[in-house]
Amino acid sequence: MNRLLARTWNARSIVFIRLAVGLIFFTQGILKYIDPSMGILRFAKIGFPYPGFTAHFVGTFEIACGFLVLIGLFARLASIPLLIVILTAIATTKIPELWRPNQGFWFMVSDARTDFAMTMALLFLISVGAGSWSFDAWFRDGDPRAQV
């Protein structure tokens, strides 16, 4: 348990990265359940087998792990499945744009900017942890108010 709560970079500002990553994945996960064009239909168009199962499976990970990142609980561990999700999204939706007529490299680069930002933010969180304003820090160090 202690390894999962390893020391994090002691910066409160990491909360802003967690807020962006957590909210984006959390809301995208919910959309996979409530909007067929963002879930089942999208996964079918991409060509995933069993798009209903796959969309909800991915959506569940996005909701659960996005929430954990948001609150900073097991943030490093929760970032790993999200990294797999975003790298899969890049491989299945952005890379193919390189070979589509009237798209190509610059179109793909523009279209992938959010995916790239999420990838870098997840790598950052995996590297430095959830920061001092997180449940990871709370459980590892105890109540910071009590350490006066």
Protein backbone atom coordinates (compact mmCIF):
# COMPACT_ATOMS: atom_id res chain seq x y z
CA MET A 1 0.00 0.00 0.00
CA ASN A 2 2.80 2.41 0.90
CA ARG A 3 4.39 1.99 -2.57
CA LEU A 4 1.13 3.13 -4.19
CA LEU A 5 1.28 6.24 -2.04
CA ALA A 6 4.96 6.94 -2.70
CA ARG A 7 6.20 10.42 -2.03
CA THR A 8 4.90 12.93 -4.55
CA TRP A 9 6.33 16.18 -5.73
CA ASN A 10 5.24 18.58 -3.01
CA ALA A 11 3.49 21.17 -5.15
CA ARG A 12 -0.08 22.31 -4.63
CA SER A 13 -0.34 23.48 -8.23
CA ILE A 14 -0.49 19.85 -9.44
CA VAL A 15 -4.15 20.07 -8.50
CA PHE A 16 -4.71 22.05 -11.74
CA ILE A 17 -3.32 19.21 -13.88
CA ARG A 18 -5.43 16.72 -11.93
CA LEU A 19 -8.50 18.90 -12.38
CA ALA A 20 -8.04 19.05 -16.16
CA VAL A 21 -7.22 15.36 -16.62
CA GLY A 22 -9.77 14.09 -14.12
CA LEU A 23 -12.70 16.16 -15.36
CA ILE A 24 -12.01 15.48 -19.01
CA PHE A 25 -11.82 11.72 -18.59
CA PHE A 26 -14.67 11.60 -16.06
CA THR A 27 -17.06 13.50 -18.34
CA GLN A 28 -15.98 11.61 -21.47
CA GLY A 29 -16.67 8.36 -19.64
CA ILE A 30 -20.18 9.50 -18.75
CA LEU A 31 -20.77 10.56 -22.37
CA LYS A 32 -19.93 7.03 -23.53
CA TYR A 33 -22.99 5.86 -21.57
CA ILE A 34 -25.49 8.64 -22.32
CA ASP A 35 -24.65 9.66 -25.91
CA PRO A 36 -24.54 6.84 -28.48
CA SER A 37 -22.60 9.02 -30.93
CA MET A 38 -19.85 9.37 -28.32
CA GLY A 39 -20.04 5.74 -27.24
CA ILE A 40 -21.44 2.75 -29.06
CA LEU A 41 -21.79 4.37 -32.51
CA ARG A 42 -18.33 5.89 -32.34
CA PHE A 43 -16.74 2.58 -31.35
CA ALA A 44 -18.63 0.80 -34.13
CA LYS A 45 -17.44 3.39 -36.68
CA ILE A 46 -13.83 2.94 -35.55
CA GLY A 47 -14.24 -0.81 -36.02
CA PHE A 48 -14.01 -2.15 -32.48
CA PRO A 49 -15.58 -5.57 -32.00
CA TYR A 50 -18.58 -5.57 -29.65
CA PRO A 51 -18.87 -1.76 -29.64
CA GLY A 52 -21.53 -1.72 -26.91
CA PHE A 53 -19.36 -3.66 -24.50
CA THR A 54 -16.17 -1.87 -25.52
CA ALA A 55 -17.64 1.65 -25.18
CA HIS A 56 -19.02 0.91 -21.72
CA PHE A 57 -15.84 -0.89 -20.64
CA VAL A 58 -13.71 2.11 -21.63
CA GLY A 59 -16.29 4.51 -20.20
CA THR A 60 -16.17 2.73 -16.84
CA PHE A 61 -12.39 3.07 -16.68
CA GLU A 62 -12.61 6.74 -17.69
CA ILE A 63 -15.19 7.47 -14.99
CA ALA A 64 -13.46 5.52 -12.21
CA CYS A 65 -9.87 6.48 -12.99
CA GLY A 66 -10.82 10.05 -13.91
CA PHE A 67 -12.48 10.44 -10.50
CA LEU A 68 -9.45 8.97 -8.71
CA VAL A 69 -7.12 11.38 -10.53
CA LEU A 70 -9.49 14.26 -9.77
CA ILE A 71 -9.38 13.63 -6.02
CA GLY A 72 -5.73 12.53 -6.05
CA LEU A 73 -6.29 9.00 -4.74
CA PHE A 74 -3.95 6.40 -6.24
CA ALA A 75 -3.36 9.02 -8.94
CA ARG A 76 -0.25 7.38 -10.38
CA LEU A 77 -1.94 4.00 -10.63
CA ALA A 78 -5.19 5.48 -12.01
CA SER A 79 -3.25 7.38 -14.68
CA ILE A 80 -1.94 4.18 -16.27
CA PRO A 81 -5.28 2.88 -17.65
CA LEU A 82 -6.09 6.41 -18.82
CA LEU A 83 -2.76 6.54 -20.64
CA ILE A 84 -3.65 3.26 -22.37
CA VAL A 85 -7.06 4.69 -23.33
CA ILE A 86 -5.59 7.88 -24.81
CA LEU A 87 -2.80 6.07 -26.67
CA THR A 88 -5.40 3.69 -28.13
CA ALA A 89 -7.52 6.68 -29.15
CA ILE A 90 -4.53 8.23 -30.92
CA ALA A 91 -3.70 4.97 -32.68
CA THR A 92 -7.27 4.29 -33.82
CA THR A 93 -8.56 7.78 -34.61
CA LYS A 94 -5.64 10.16 -35.21
CA ILE A 95 -2.92 8.11 -36.93
CA PRO A 96 -5.34 6.90 -39.67
CA GLU A 97 -5.91 10.57 -40.61
CA LEU A 98 -2.42 10.57 -42.11
CA TRP A 99 -3.66 8.46 -45.03
CA ARG A 100 -7.14 9.93 -45.56
CA PRO A 101 -7.72 12.18 -48.57
CA ASN A 102 -7.73 15.91 -47.72
CA GLN A 103 -6.33 15.30 -44.25
CA GLY A 104 -2.70 14.28 -43.77
CA PHE A 105 -0.08 15.33 -41.25
CA TRP A 106 -1.14 18.89 -40.40
CA PHE A 107 -4.80 17.93 -40.08
CA MET A 108 -3.81 15.07 -37.75
CA VAL A 109 -1.55 17.31 -35.67
CA SER A 110 -4.36 19.81 -35.21
CA ASP A 111 -6.96 17.14 -34.47
CA ALA A 112 -4.69 15.38 -31.95
CA ARG A 113 -3.78 18.41 -29.83
CA THR A 114 -6.07 17.50 -26.91
CA ASP A 115 -4.98 13.86 -27.02
CA PHE A 116 -1.33 14.96 -26.99
CA ALA A 117 -1.97 17.30 -24.04
CA MET A 118 -3.73 14.53 -22.10
CA THR A 119 -0.86 12.13 -22.85
CA MET A 120 1.73 14.58 -21.54
CA ALA A 121 -0.39 15.42 -18.46
CA LEU A 122 -0.81 11.72 -17.66
CA LEU A 123 2.93 11.11 -18.04
CA PHE A 124 3.49 14.06 -15.71
CA LEU A 125 1.12 12.64 -13.08
CA ILE A 126 2.71 9.18 -13.34
CA SER A 127 6.13 10.81 -12.86
CA VAL A 128 5.44 13.20 -9.99
CA GLY A 129 2.27 11.94 -8.34
CA ALA A 130 -0.80 13.81 -7.16
CA GLY A 131 0.92 16.61 -5.24
CA SER A 132 0.42 17.89 -1.74
CA TRP A 133 -3.29 18.69 -2.13
CA SER A 134 -4.41 15.11 -2.64
CA PHE A 135 -5.71 12.10 -0.81
CA ASP A 136 -2.46 10.34 -1.66
CA ALA A 137 -0.55 12.92 0.40
CA TRP A 138 -3.22 12.89 3.12
CA PHE A 139 -3.07 9.12 3.62
CA ARG A 140 0.71 8.99 3.33
CA ASP A 141 1.49 11.90 5.65
CA GLY A 142 -1.64 12.16 7.76
CA ASP A 143 -3.68 15.29 8.33
CA PRO A 144 -1.41 18.22 7.35
CA ARG A 145 -3.28 20.44 9.84
CA ALA A 146 -2.14 18.12 12.65
CA GLN A 147 1.54 18.63 11.76
CA VAL A 148 1.83 22.08 13.27
